[in-house]
Amino acid sequence: MSAGDAVELALPFTGRWLVQNSPASRTPSHGTELFGTSHAIDFVPVGEDGRSAPRTLASLFATERPEVFVGFGRTILAPVAGEVVALLDGERDHVARRSVFALIGYALTQSSRIRRGAAAIAGNHVVIRAGDALVLVAHLRQGSVRVRTGQHIAQGEPVGECGNSGNSTEPHVHVQVSTSVERDARGIPLVFTNPAGGRWVPRNGEMVTA
């Protein structure tokens, strides 16, 4: 697909966020095409120092509570107008893992999450139908989803809060466009409206402010 075929989205947040796993840096962006993630992108909320949380002994050697991260609970906005066709709000926010030791153990359980399906991967999420495409906003905070299935929502309307549910190593928001959210879904390219003007897909390591 060309850039003109990509689904145009608004940034689903305000504040300062770090880009990870961007399709502008590699495709498939998350290393797989499963669950329609080939063109997905992750945004990690950070503070003015560019960090998602202070560095401590726990961050080096152990797991961390999601509440210590600056963006945990930040409002997440609808990146597109449309109908809410699916949602999940009951998955717990698990501990965060930034240390190599904690990440190794987490990697060993990845296959079991894949077998459990979309809920185990996306965690708490909202799916918005925009034309023929589905826009997924994932890893929301437990109990924060503010919309209901069948509701028509406007772009920029609050849908939930940044959390650490599902296949997530620290609080962040995952955005993708796809044909479905099932294992065999096909990913669809996306592009964002740039607050500075124009359209773009931010690259890995880029700081985005909205």
N, C-alpha and C. Protein backbone atom coordinates (compact mmCIF):
# COMPACT_ATOMS: atom_id res chain seq x y z
N MET A 1 0.84 -1.20 0.00
CA MET A 1 0.00 0.00 0.00
C MET A 1 0.87 1.25 0.00
N SER A 2 0.42 2.28 -0.65
CA SER A 2 1.11 3.55 -0.63
C SER A 2 0.68 4.33 0.59
N ALA A 3 1.38 5.47 0.86
CA ALA A 3 1.01 6.31 2.00
C ALA A 3 -0.41 6.81 1.86
N GLY A 4 -0.86 6.99 0.61
CA GLY A 4 -2.22 7.47 0.39
C GLY A 4 -3.28 6.47 0.76
N ASP A 5 -2.91 5.18 0.84
CA ASP A 5 -3.86 4.13 1.21
C ASP A 5 -3.94 3.92 2.71
N ALA A 6 -3.05 4.53 3.48
CA ALA A 6 -3.02 4.33 4.92
C ALA A 6 -4.22 5.00 5.58
N VAL A 7 -4.65 4.44 6.69
CA VAL A 7 -5.75 5.01 7.46
C VAL A 7 -5.20 6.15 8.32
N GLU A 8 -5.79 7.32 8.19
CA GLU A 8 -5.30 8.49 8.91
C GLU A 8 -5.91 8.55 10.31
N LEU A 9 -5.05 8.75 11.30
CA LEU A 9 -5.45 8.78 12.69
C LEU A 9 -4.94 10.05 13.36
N ALA A 10 -5.58 10.41 14.45
CA ALA A 10 -5.06 11.45 15.34
C ALA A 10 -4.26 10.77 16.45
N LEU A 11 -3.28 11.47 16.99
CA LEU A 11 -2.57 10.92 18.14
C LEU A 11 -3.56 10.72 19.28
N PRO A 12 -3.54 9.57 19.94
CA PRO A 12 -4.58 9.24 20.92
C PRO A 12 -4.25 9.68 22.35
N PHE A 13 -3.62 10.84 22.49
CA PHE A 13 -3.19 11.28 23.82
C PHE A 13 -2.79 12.74 23.78
N THR A 14 -2.52 13.28 24.95
CA THR A 14 -1.84 14.56 25.09
C THR A 14 -0.58 14.33 25.92
N GLY A 15 0.32 15.28 25.91
CA GLY A 15 1.55 15.15 26.68
C GLY A 15 2.69 14.62 25.83
N ARG A 16 3.70 14.08 26.50
CA ARG A 16 4.96 13.67 25.87
C ARG A 16 5.06 12.14 25.88
N TRP A 17 5.34 11.57 24.70
CA TRP A 17 5.37 10.12 24.54
C TRP A 17 6.56 9.70 23.67
N LEU A 18 7.13 8.54 23.98
CA LEU A 18 8.25 7.98 23.24
C LEU A 18 7.74 6.88 22.30
N VAL A 19 8.19 6.92 21.07
CA VAL A 19 7.74 5.95 20.05
C VAL A 19 8.59 4.68 20.10
N GLN A 20 7.92 3.54 20.09
CA GLN A 20 8.59 2.25 20.00
C GLN A 20 7.85 1.36 19.01
N ASN A 21 8.56 0.38 18.45
CA ASN A 21 7.96 -0.61 17.55
C ASN A 21 7.16 0.06 16.44
N SER A 22 7.78 1.00 15.75
CA SER A 22 7.09 1.74 14.69
C SER A 22 7.24 1.06 13.33
N PRO A 23 6.18 1.05 12.53
CA PRO A 23 6.30 0.51 11.16
C PRO A 23 7.13 1.41 10.25
N ALA A 24 7.41 2.64 10.70
CA ALA A 24 8.31 3.51 9.93
C ALA A 24 9.76 3.06 10.05
N SER A 25 10.06 2.26 11.09
CA SER A 25 11.42 1.77 11.31
C SER A 25 11.61 0.34 10.82
N ARG A 26 10.56 -0.48 10.88
CA ARG A 26 10.62 -1.82 10.32
C ARG A 26 9.20 -2.37 10.20
N THR A 27 9.03 -3.30 9.25
CA THR A 27 7.76 -3.99 9.07
C THR A 27 8.06 -5.49 8.90
N PRO A 28 7.38 -6.37 9.63
CA PRO A 28 6.34 -6.07 10.61
C PRO A 28 6.91 -5.39 11.86
N SER A 29 6.19 -4.41 12.35
CA SER A 29 6.73 -3.55 13.40
C SER A 29 6.97 -4.27 14.72
N HIS A 30 6.17 -5.29 15.00
CA HIS A 30 6.30 -6.03 16.25
C HIS A 30 6.95 -7.40 16.04
N GLY A 31 7.56 -7.58 14.87
CA GLY A 31 8.26 -8.82 14.59
C GLY A 31 7.37 -9.96 14.14
N THR A 32 6.09 -9.71 13.97
CA THR A 32 5.14 -10.74 13.56
C THR A 32 3.95 -10.08 12.87
N GLU A 33 3.23 -10.88 12.08
CA GLU A 33 1.99 -10.41 11.47
C GLU A 33 0.77 -10.96 12.19
N LEU A 34 0.99 -11.75 13.25
CA LEU A 34 -0.14 -12.32 14.00
C LEU A 34 -1.00 -11.21 14.60
N PHE A 35 -2.29 -11.45 14.66
CA PHE A 35 -3.26 -10.54 15.26
C PHE A 35 -3.27 -9.16 14.59
N GLY A 36 -2.84 -9.09 13.34
CA GLY A 36 -2.91 -7.83 12.60
C GLY A 36 -1.93 -6.77 13.06
N THR A 37 -0.81 -7.19 13.68
CA THR A 37 0.12 -6.22 14.27
C THR A 37 1.22 -5.74 13.34
N SER A 38 1.16 -6.08 12.06
CA SER A 38 2.28 -5.79 11.17
C SER A 38 2.61 -4.31 11.06
N HIS A 39 1.59 -3.43 11.17
CA HIS A 39 1.81 -1.98 11.06
C HIS A 39 1.44 -1.26 12.35
N ALA A 40 1.44 -1.98 13.46
CA ALA A 40 1.10 -1.39 14.75
C ALA A 40 2.22 -0.48 15.24
N ILE A 41 1.89 0.37 16.21
CA ILE A 41 2.88 1.28 16.79
C ILE A 41 2.61 1.41 18.28
N ASP A 42 3.67 1.58 19.06
CA ASP A 42 3.56 1.74 20.51
C ASP A 42 4.03 3.14 20.91
N PHE A 43 3.34 3.70 21.90
CA PHE A 43 3.72 4.99 22.47
C PHE A 43 3.87 4.81 23.98
N VAL A 44 5.03 5.17 24.51
CA VAL A 44 5.31 5.06 25.94
C VAL A 44 5.26 6.45 26.56
N PRO A 45 4.40 6.70 27.55
CA PRO A 45 4.34 8.02 28.17
C PRO A 45 5.58 8.29 29.01
N VAL A 46 6.14 9.49 28.86
CA VAL A 46 7.35 9.86 29.59
C VAL A 46 7.20 11.24 30.21
N GLY A 47 8.09 11.55 31.13
CA GLY A 47 8.11 12.86 31.76
C GLY A 47 9.02 13.81 30.99
N GLU A 48 9.25 14.98 31.55
CA GLU A 48 10.09 15.98 30.89
C GLU A 48 11.52 15.49 30.73
N ASP A 49 11.95 14.56 31.59
CA ASP A 49 13.30 14.01 31.48
C ASP A 49 13.41 12.91 30.44
N GLY A 50 12.30 12.59 29.78
CA GLY A 50 12.31 11.55 28.77
C GLY A 50 12.24 10.14 29.31
N ARG A 51 12.04 9.99 30.62
CA ARG A 51 11.96 8.66 31.23
C ARG A 51 10.52 8.29 31.55
N SER A 52 10.22 7.02 31.45
CA SER A 52 8.88 6.56 31.80
C SER A 52 8.71 6.39 33.30
N ALA A 53 9.82 6.21 34.02
CA ALA A 53 9.82 6.06 35.47
C ALA A 53 11.24 6.25 35.97
N PRO A 54 11.42 6.61 37.23
CA PRO A 54 12.78 6.75 37.77
C PRO A 54 13.52 5.41 37.73
N ARG A 55 14.83 5.48 37.56
CA ARG A 55 15.66 4.28 37.63
C ARG A 55 15.96 3.95 39.09
N THR A 56 15.65 2.72 39.48
CA THR A 56 15.86 2.27 40.85
C THR A 56 16.49 0.88 40.81
N LEU A 57 16.78 0.32 41.98
CA LEU A 57 17.29 -1.05 42.02
C LEU A 57 16.28 -2.03 41.43
N ALA A 58 14.99 -1.76 41.65
CA ALA A 58 13.96 -2.65 41.10
C ALA A 58 13.98 -2.62 39.58
N SER A 59 14.22 -1.44 39.00
CA SER A 59 14.24 -1.35 37.54
C SER A 59 15.43 -2.08 36.95
N LEU A 60 16.46 -2.29 37.74
CA LEU A 60 17.65 -2.98 37.26
C LEU A 60 17.62 -4.48 37.50
N PHE A 61 16.92 -4.91 38.57
CA PHE A 61 17.02 -6.32 38.96
C PHE A 61 15.69 -7.03 39.17
N ALA A 62 14.58 -6.29 39.22
CA ALA A 62 13.31 -6.92 39.60
C ALA A 62 12.15 -6.34 38.79
N THR A 63 10.94 -6.63 39.22
CA THR A 63 9.75 -6.05 38.60
C THR A 63 9.35 -4.78 39.35
N GLU A 64 8.45 -3.99 38.73
CA GLU A 64 8.03 -2.72 39.32
C GLU A 64 6.51 -2.60 39.27
N ARG A 65 5.95 -1.88 40.23
CA ARG A 65 4.51 -1.62 40.22
C ARG A 65 4.19 -0.64 39.08
N PRO A 66 3.12 -0.84 38.34
CA PRO A 66 2.80 0.09 37.24
C PRO A 66 2.53 1.51 37.72
N GLU A 67 2.12 1.64 38.98
CA GLU A 67 1.80 2.96 39.52
C GLU A 67 3.01 3.89 39.61
N VAL A 68 4.23 3.35 39.57
CA VAL A 68 5.41 4.22 39.67
C VAL A 68 5.74 4.87 38.33
N PHE A 69 5.07 4.47 37.26
CA PHE A 69 5.33 5.02 35.93
C PHE A 69 4.51 6.29 35.73
N VAL A 70 5.15 7.31 35.16
CA VAL A 70 4.53 8.65 35.09
C VAL A 70 3.25 8.66 34.26
N GLY A 71 3.15 7.75 33.29
CA GLY A 71 2.00 7.77 32.41
C GLY A 71 0.87 6.84 32.77
N PHE A 72 1.06 6.06 33.83
CA PHE A 72 0.01 5.12 34.23
C PHE A 72 -1.24 5.92 34.63
N GLY A 73 -2.34 5.70 33.92
CA GLY A 73 -3.57 6.43 34.19
C GLY A 73 -3.78 7.66 33.32
N ARG A 74 -2.83 7.99 32.43
CA ARG A 74 -3.06 9.10 31.52
C ARG A 74 -4.24 8.80 30.59
N THR A 75 -5.01 9.83 30.28
CA THR A 75 -6.18 9.64 29.43
C THR A 75 -5.79 9.27 28.00
N ILE A 76 -6.47 8.28 27.45
CA ILE A 76 -6.28 7.85 26.06
C ILE A 76 -7.51 8.26 25.26
N LEU A 77 -7.27 8.84 24.09
CA LEU A 77 -8.33 9.40 23.25
C LEU A 77 -8.57 8.54 22.02
N ALA A 78 -9.78 8.62 21.48
CA ALA A 78 -10.09 7.90 20.25
C ALA A 78 -9.28 8.49 19.10
N PRO A 79 -8.49 7.70 18.40
CA PRO A 79 -7.70 8.23 17.28
C PRO A 79 -8.50 8.44 16.00
N VAL A 80 -9.76 8.01 16.02
CA VAL A 80 -10.60 8.10 14.83
C VAL A 80 -12.06 8.10 15.27
N ALA A 81 -12.92 8.69 14.49
CA ALA A 81 -14.36 8.62 14.75
C ALA A 81 -14.90 7.30 14.21
N GLY A 82 -15.91 6.76 14.88
CA GLY A 82 -16.51 5.53 14.39
C GLY A 82 -17.34 4.85 15.45
N GLU A 83 -17.66 3.60 15.21
CA GLU A 83 -18.49 2.81 16.12
C GLU A 83 -17.62 1.86 16.95
N VAL A 84 -17.84 1.83 18.24
CA VAL A 84 -17.15 0.87 19.10
C VAL A 84 -17.76 -0.50 18.87
N VAL A 85 -16.95 -1.42 18.37
CA VAL A 85 -17.48 -2.74 18.03
C VAL A 85 -17.01 -3.83 18.99
N ALA A 86 -16.03 -3.53 19.81
CA ALA A 86 -15.56 -4.50 20.80
C ALA A 86 -14.77 -3.77 21.87
N LEU A 87 -14.76 -4.35 23.06
CA LEU A 87 -13.95 -3.80 24.14
C LEU A 87 -13.73 -4.85 25.20
N LEU A 88 -12.73 -4.61 26.04
CA LEU A 88 -12.45 -5.46 27.19
C LEU A 88 -11.95 -4.55 28.30
N ASP A 89 -12.40 -4.81 29.54
CA ASP A 89 -12.04 -3.90 30.63
C ASP A 89 -11.71 -4.65 31.92
N GLY A 90 -11.60 -5.98 31.88
CA GLY A 90 -11.45 -6.73 33.12
C GLY A 90 -10.09 -7.32 33.38
N GLU A 91 -9.13 -7.09 32.48
CA GLU A 91 -7.79 -7.66 32.67
C GLU A 91 -7.00 -6.84 33.69
N ARG A 92 -6.29 -7.49 34.59
CA ARG A 92 -5.54 -6.76 35.60
C ARG A 92 -4.30 -6.10 35.00
N ASP A 93 -3.86 -5.05 35.62
CA ASP A 93 -2.59 -4.41 35.27
C ASP A 93 -1.49 -5.12 36.04
N HIS A 94 -0.61 -5.81 35.32
CA HIS A 94 0.42 -6.59 35.98
C HIS A 94 1.68 -5.75 36.23
N VAL A 95 2.63 -6.33 36.89
CA VAL A 95 3.87 -5.62 37.19
C VAL A 95 4.62 -5.30 35.90
N ALA A 96 5.41 -4.24 35.95
CA ALA A 96 6.22 -3.84 34.81
C ALA A 96 7.59 -4.51 34.89
N ARG A 97 8.22 -4.64 33.72
CA ARG A 97 9.51 -5.33 33.65
C ARG A 97 10.46 -4.55 32.74
N ARG A 98 11.43 -3.88 33.35
CA ARG A 98 12.46 -3.20 32.58
C ARG A 98 13.82 -3.88 32.73
N SER A 99 14.00 -4.68 33.77
CA SER A 99 15.29 -5.33 33.99
C SER A 99 15.46 -6.53 33.05
N VAL A 100 16.69 -6.80 32.69
CA VAL A 100 16.98 -7.95 31.83
C VAL A 100 16.49 -9.24 32.48
N PHE A 101 16.67 -9.37 33.77
CA PHE A 101 16.28 -10.59 34.48
C PHE A 101 14.77 -10.82 34.41
N ALA A 102 14.00 -9.74 34.62
CA ALA A 102 12.55 -9.87 34.56
C ALA A 102 12.06 -10.11 33.13
N LEU A 103 12.73 -9.51 32.15
CA LEU A 103 12.31 -9.65 30.76
C LEU A 103 12.56 -11.06 30.23
N ILE A 104 13.61 -11.69 30.69
CA ILE A 104 13.89 -13.07 30.24
C ILE A 104 12.74 -13.99 30.64
N GLY A 105 12.33 -13.89 31.89
CA GLY A 105 11.23 -14.73 32.36
C GLY A 105 9.94 -14.44 31.62
N TYR A 106 9.72 -13.17 31.31
CA TYR A 106 8.50 -12.78 30.59
C TYR A 106 8.51 -13.35 29.17
N ALA A 107 9.66 -13.31 28.53
CA ALA A 107 9.77 -13.82 27.15
C ALA A 107 9.43 -15.30 27.09
N LEU A 108 9.74 -16.02 28.14
CA LEU A 108 9.48 -17.46 28.15
C LEU A 108 7.99 -17.79 28.20
N THR A 109 7.16 -16.81 28.61
CA THR A 109 5.72 -17.04 28.68
C THR A 109 4.96 -16.47 27.48
N GLN A 110 5.70 -15.94 26.50
CA GLN A 110 5.06 -15.30 25.34
C GLN A 110 4.18 -16.27 24.57
N SER A 111 4.65 -17.48 24.34
CA SER A 111 3.88 -18.43 23.55
C SER A 111 2.54 -18.76 24.21
N SER A 112 2.51 -18.80 25.55
CA SER A 112 1.25 -19.10 26.23
C SER A 112 0.25 -17.96 26.05
N ARG A 113 0.72 -16.72 26.00
CA ARG A 113 -0.19 -15.59 25.76
C ARG A 113 -0.75 -15.65 24.35
N ILE A 114 0.06 -16.02 23.40
CA ILE A 114 -0.41 -16.14 22.02
C ILE A 114 -1.49 -17.20 21.92
N ARG A 115 -1.31 -18.32 22.61
CA ARG A 115 -2.31 -19.38 22.57
C ARG A 115 -3.63 -18.94 23.20
N ARG A 116 -3.57 -18.05 24.18
CA ARG A 116 -4.79 -17.58 24.84
C ARG A 116 -5.58 -16.60 23.98
N GLY A 117 -4.97 -16.05 22.94
CA GLY A 117 -5.72 -15.23 22.00
C GLY A 117 -5.61 -13.73 22.23
N ALA A 118 -6.51 -13.00 21.54
CA ALA A 118 -6.42 -11.55 21.47
C ALA A 118 -6.48 -10.88 22.84
N ALA A 119 -7.31 -11.39 23.74
CA ALA A 119 -7.45 -10.76 25.05
C ALA A 119 -6.14 -10.78 25.83
N ALA A 120 -5.41 -11.89 25.74
CA ALA A 120 -4.14 -11.99 26.45
C ALA A 120 -3.07 -11.10 25.84
N ILE A 121 -3.20 -10.81 24.55
CA ILE A 121 -2.23 -9.95 23.88
C ILE A 121 -2.58 -8.48 24.06
N ALA A 122 -3.82 -8.11 23.79
CA ALA A 122 -4.22 -6.70 23.82
C ALA A 122 -4.55 -6.21 25.22
N GLY A 123 -4.89 -7.12 26.14
CA GLY A 123 -5.33 -6.68 27.45
C GLY A 123 -6.62 -5.90 27.34
N ASN A 124 -6.81 -4.94 28.22
CA ASN A 124 -8.00 -4.09 28.13
C ASN A 124 -7.87 -3.20 26.90
N HIS A 125 -8.93 -3.17 26.10
CA HIS A 125 -8.82 -2.48 24.81
C HIS A 125 -10.17 -1.99 24.31
N VAL A 126 -10.09 -1.14 23.29
CA VAL A 126 -11.27 -0.66 22.58
C VAL A 126 -11.01 -0.83 21.09
N VAL A 127 -12.00 -1.32 20.37
CA VAL A 127 -11.91 -1.48 18.92
C VAL A 127 -12.97 -0.59 18.27
N ILE A 128 -12.53 0.27 17.36
CA ILE A 128 -13.41 1.23 16.69
C ILE A 128 -13.45 0.90 15.20
N ARG A 129 -14.67 0.75 14.66
CA ARG A 129 -14.80 0.53 13.23
C ARG A 129 -14.81 1.86 12.51
N ALA A 130 -13.89 2.01 11.56
CA ALA A 130 -13.80 3.22 10.74
C ALA A 130 -13.82 2.79 9.28
N GLY A 131 -14.98 2.86 8.64
CA GLY A 131 -15.13 2.33 7.29
C GLY A 131 -14.99 0.83 7.30
N ASP A 132 -14.07 0.30 6.49
CA ASP A 132 -13.86 -1.15 6.44
C ASP A 132 -12.75 -1.61 7.38
N ALA A 133 -12.15 -0.69 8.11
CA ALA A 133 -11.02 -1.03 8.97
C ALA A 133 -11.41 -1.00 10.44
N LEU A 134 -10.64 -1.74 11.23
CA LEU A 134 -10.81 -1.72 12.68
C LEU A 134 -9.57 -1.08 13.31
N VAL A 135 -9.81 -0.13 14.19
CA VAL A 135 -8.72 0.56 14.88
C VAL A 135 -8.70 0.08 16.33
N LEU A 136 -7.59 -0.51 16.73
CA LEU A 136 -7.44 -1.07 18.08
C LEU A 136 -6.57 -0.15 18.93
N VAL A 137 -7.06 0.15 20.12
CA VAL A 137 -6.29 0.88 21.13
C VAL A 137 -6.16 -0.06 22.33
N ALA A 138 -4.94 -0.47 22.66
CA ALA A 138 -4.76 -1.59 23.59
C ALA A 138 -3.88 -1.25 24.79
N HIS A 139 -3.91 -2.16 25.78
CA HIS A 139 -3.16 -2.11 27.04
C HIS A 139 -3.71 -1.04 27.98
N LEU A 140 -5.02 -0.87 27.99
CA LEU A 140 -5.64 0.15 28.85
C LEU A 140 -5.67 -0.31 30.31
N ARG A 141 -5.81 0.67 31.19
CA ARG A 141 -5.86 0.41 32.63
C ARG A 141 -7.17 -0.28 33.00
N GLN A 142 -7.09 -1.27 33.85
CA GLN A 142 -8.28 -2.00 34.28
C GLN A 142 -9.31 -1.05 34.89
N GLY A 143 -10.55 -1.19 34.42
CA GLY A 143 -11.64 -0.38 34.95
C GLY A 143 -11.72 1.02 34.39
N SER A 144 -10.90 1.34 33.39
CA SER A 144 -10.87 2.73 32.89
C SER A 144 -11.66 2.96 31.62
N VAL A 145 -12.11 1.89 30.95
CA VAL A 145 -12.80 2.06 29.66
C VAL A 145 -14.08 2.87 29.84
N ARG A 146 -14.24 3.91 29.04
CA ARG A 146 -15.34 4.87 29.22
C ARG A 146 -16.40 4.79 28.13
N VAL A 147 -16.28 3.84 27.22
CA VAL A 147 -17.24 3.73 26.12
C VAL A 147 -17.93 2.37 26.21
N ARG A 148 -18.93 2.18 25.37
CA ARG A 148 -19.66 0.91 25.36
C ARG A 148 -19.79 0.41 23.92
N THR A 149 -19.97 -0.87 23.78
CA THR A 149 -20.14 -1.48 22.47
C THR A 149 -21.38 -0.90 21.79
N GLY A 150 -21.26 -0.57 20.52
CA GLY A 150 -22.36 0.02 19.75
C GLY A 150 -22.40 1.53 19.79
N GLN A 151 -21.58 2.12 20.64
CA GLN A 151 -21.55 3.58 20.76
C GLN A 151 -20.79 4.20 19.60
N HIS A 152 -21.31 5.29 19.05
CA HIS A 152 -20.60 6.06 18.02
C HIS A 152 -19.84 7.18 18.73
N ILE A 153 -18.55 7.22 18.52
CA ILE A 153 -17.72 8.19 19.23
C ILE A 153 -17.00 9.10 18.25
N ALA A 154 -16.65 10.27 18.73
CA ALA A 154 -15.93 11.25 17.91
C ALA A 154 -14.43 11.08 18.10
N GLN A 155 -13.68 11.49 17.11
CA GLN A 155 -12.23 11.53 17.23
C GLN A 155 -11.85 12.46 18.39
N GLY A 156 -10.95 12.01 19.24
CA GLY A 156 -10.53 12.80 20.38
C GLY A 156 -11.33 12.58 21.64
N GLU A 157 -12.37 11.75 21.58
CA GLU A 157 -13.18 11.47 22.76
C GLU A 157 -12.42 10.50 23.68
N PRO A 158 -12.42 10.72 24.99
CA PRO A 158 -11.73 9.80 25.89
C PRO A 158 -12.32 8.39 25.82
N VAL A 159 -11.45 7.40 25.73
CA VAL A 159 -11.91 6.00 25.68
C VAL A 159 -11.42 5.20 26.88
N GLY A 160 -10.39 5.66 27.56
CA GLY A 160 -9.85 4.92 28.69
C GLY A 160 -8.59 5.58 29.19
N GLU A 161 -7.77 4.80 29.91
CA GLU A 161 -6.53 5.31 30.48
C GLU A 161 -5.38 4.37 30.16
N CYS A 162 -4.19 4.92 30.08
CA CYS A 162 -2.99 4.13 29.81
C CYS A 162 -2.76 3.15 30.96
N GLY A 163 -2.56 1.89 30.59
CA GLY A 163 -2.36 0.86 31.59
C GLY A 163 -1.23 -0.09 31.24
N ASN A 164 -1.21 -1.22 31.91
CA ASN A 164 -0.18 -2.23 31.68
C ASN A 164 -0.80 -3.62 31.65
N SER A 165 -1.89 -3.75 30.91
CA SER A 165 -2.59 -5.02 30.79
C SER A 165 -2.20 -5.70 29.48
N GLY A 166 -2.37 -7.00 29.45
CA GLY A 166 -2.06 -7.75 28.23
C GLY A 166 -0.56 -7.94 28.05
N ASN A 167 -0.13 -8.02 26.81
CA ASN A 167 1.27 -8.29 26.46
C ASN A 167 2.06 -6.98 26.52
N SER A 168 2.34 -6.53 27.73
CA SER A 168 2.94 -5.22 27.95
C SER A 168 3.99 -5.31 29.04
N THR A 169 5.19 -4.77 28.78
CA THR A 169 6.25 -4.81 29.78
C THR A 169 6.33 -3.54 30.62
N GLU A 170 5.69 -2.45 30.17
CA GLU A 170 5.55 -1.25 30.98
C GLU A 170 4.36 -0.46 30.43
N PRO A 171 3.78 0.45 31.22
CA PRO A 171 2.60 1.17 30.74
C PRO A 171 2.85 1.88 29.41
N HIS A 172 1.97 1.62 28.45
CA HIS A 172 2.06 2.26 27.13
C HIS A 172 0.73 2.03 26.42
N VAL A 173 0.59 2.66 25.27
CA VAL A 173 -0.60 2.43 24.44
C VAL A 173 -0.15 1.88 23.09
N HIS A 174 -0.86 0.87 22.66
CA HIS A 174 -0.61 0.19 21.37
C HIS A 174 -1.75 0.56 20.43
N VAL A 175 -1.40 1.01 19.23
CA VAL A 175 -2.40 1.40 18.24
C VAL A 175 -2.15 0.62 16.96
N GLN A 176 -3.21 0.05 16.40
CA GLN A 176 -3.07 -0.63 15.12
C GLN A 176 -4.36 -0.51 14.33
N VAL A 177 -4.22 -0.69 13.02
CA VAL A 177 -5.36 -0.77 12.12
C VAL A 177 -5.28 -2.13 11.44
N SER A 178 -6.39 -2.85 11.41
CA SER A 178 -6.36 -4.21 10.86
C SER A 178 -7.75 -4.63 10.41
N THR A 179 -7.81 -5.79 9.78
CA THR A 179 -9.09 -6.31 9.29
C THR A 179 -9.91 -6.93 10.41
N SER A 180 -9.23 -7.36 11.48
CA SER A 180 -9.88 -7.90 12.68
C SER A 180 -8.84 -7.88 13.78
N VAL A 181 -9.17 -8.43 14.94
CA VAL A 181 -8.17 -8.56 16.00
C VAL A 181 -7.91 -10.03 16.32
N GLU A 182 -8.29 -10.89 15.40
CA GLU A 182 -8.06 -12.32 15.58
C GLU A 182 -6.66 -12.70 15.09
N ARG A 183 -6.28 -13.92 15.38
CA ARG A 183 -4.92 -14.39 15.08
C ARG A 183 -4.55 -14.22 13.60
N ASP A 184 -5.51 -14.44 12.69
CA ASP A 184 -5.23 -14.38 11.25
C ASP A 184 -5.54 -13.02 10.64
N ALA A 185 -5.69 -11.98 11.45
CA ALA A 185 -6.01 -10.64 10.94
C ALA A 185 -4.88 -10.11 10.05
N ARG A 186 -5.26 -9.24 9.11
CA ARG A 186 -4.28 -8.58 8.25
C ARG A 186 -4.09 -7.15 8.72
N GLY A 187 -2.84 -6.76 8.94
CA GLY A 187 -2.55 -5.40 9.34
C GLY A 187 -2.70 -4.42 8.19
N ILE A 188 -3.13 -3.20 8.50
CA ILE A 188 -3.34 -2.14 7.51
C ILE A 188 -2.45 -0.96 7.89
N PRO A 189 -1.75 -0.35 6.93
CA PRO A 189 -0.89 0.81 7.25
C PRO A 189 -1.68 1.95 7.88
N LEU A 190 -1.02 2.69 8.74
CA LEU A 190 -1.61 3.85 9.39
C LEU A 190 -0.70 5.05 9.21
N VAL A 191 -1.27 6.23 9.42
CA VAL A 191 -0.51 7.47 9.38
C VAL A 191 -1.19 8.44 10.33
N PHE A 192 -0.41 9.30 10.97
CA PHE A 192 -0.96 10.22 11.95
C PHE A 192 -0.97 11.66 11.46
N THR A 193 -1.97 12.40 11.90
CA THR A 193 -1.98 13.83 11.67
C THR A 193 -0.93 14.45 12.58
N ASN A 194 0.01 15.17 12.00
CA ASN A 194 1.09 15.77 12.77
C ASN A 194 0.63 17.08 13.37
N PRO A 195 0.74 17.26 14.69
CA PRO A 195 0.34 18.54 15.31
C PRO A 195 1.08 19.73 14.71
N ALA A 196 2.28 19.48 14.16
CA ALA A 196 3.06 20.55 13.54
C ALA A 196 2.68 20.78 12.08
N GLY A 197 1.78 19.96 11.56
CA GLY A 197 1.35 20.09 10.17
C GLY A 197 1.70 18.87 9.34
N GLY A 198 0.82 18.50 8.43
CA GLY A 198 1.06 17.37 7.56
C GLY A 198 0.71 16.04 8.22
N ARG A 199 1.19 14.97 7.60
CA ARG A 199 0.95 13.61 8.10
C ARG A 199 2.28 12.88 8.17
N TRP A 200 2.40 11.97 9.13
CA TRP A 200 3.64 11.20 9.24
C TRP A 200 3.44 9.98 10.12
N VAL A 201 4.42 9.09 10.04
CA VAL A 201 4.49 7.96 10.96
C VAL A 201 5.79 8.14 11.74
N PRO A 202 5.72 8.48 13.02
CA PRO A 202 6.95 8.70 13.79
C PRO A 202 7.78 7.43 13.89
N ARG A 203 9.09 7.61 13.95
CA ARG A 203 10.02 6.49 13.97
C ARG A 203 10.40 6.10 15.39
N ASN A 204 11.01 4.95 15.55
CA ASN A 204 11.47 4.48 16.84
C ASN A 204 12.40 5.52 17.48
N GLY A 205 12.18 5.80 18.77
CA GLY A 205 13.01 6.74 19.49
C GLY A 205 12.59 8.18 19.38
N GLU A 206 11.60 8.46 18.55
CA GLU A 206 11.13 9.84 18.39
C GLU A 206 10.24 10.22 19.57
N MET A 207 10.42 11.46 20.05
CA MET A 207 9.56 11.99 21.09
C MET A 207 8.41 12.75 20.43
N VAL A 208 7.19 12.40 20.82
CA VAL A 208 6.01 13.01 20.23
C VAL A 208 5.27 13.78 21.33
N THR A 209 4.92 15.01 21.05
CA THR A 209 4.16 15.83 22.01
C THR A 209 2.87 16.27 21.35
N ALA A 210 1.78 16.07 22.05
CA ALA A 210 0.46 16.45 21.52
C ALA A 210 -0.30 17.25 22.55
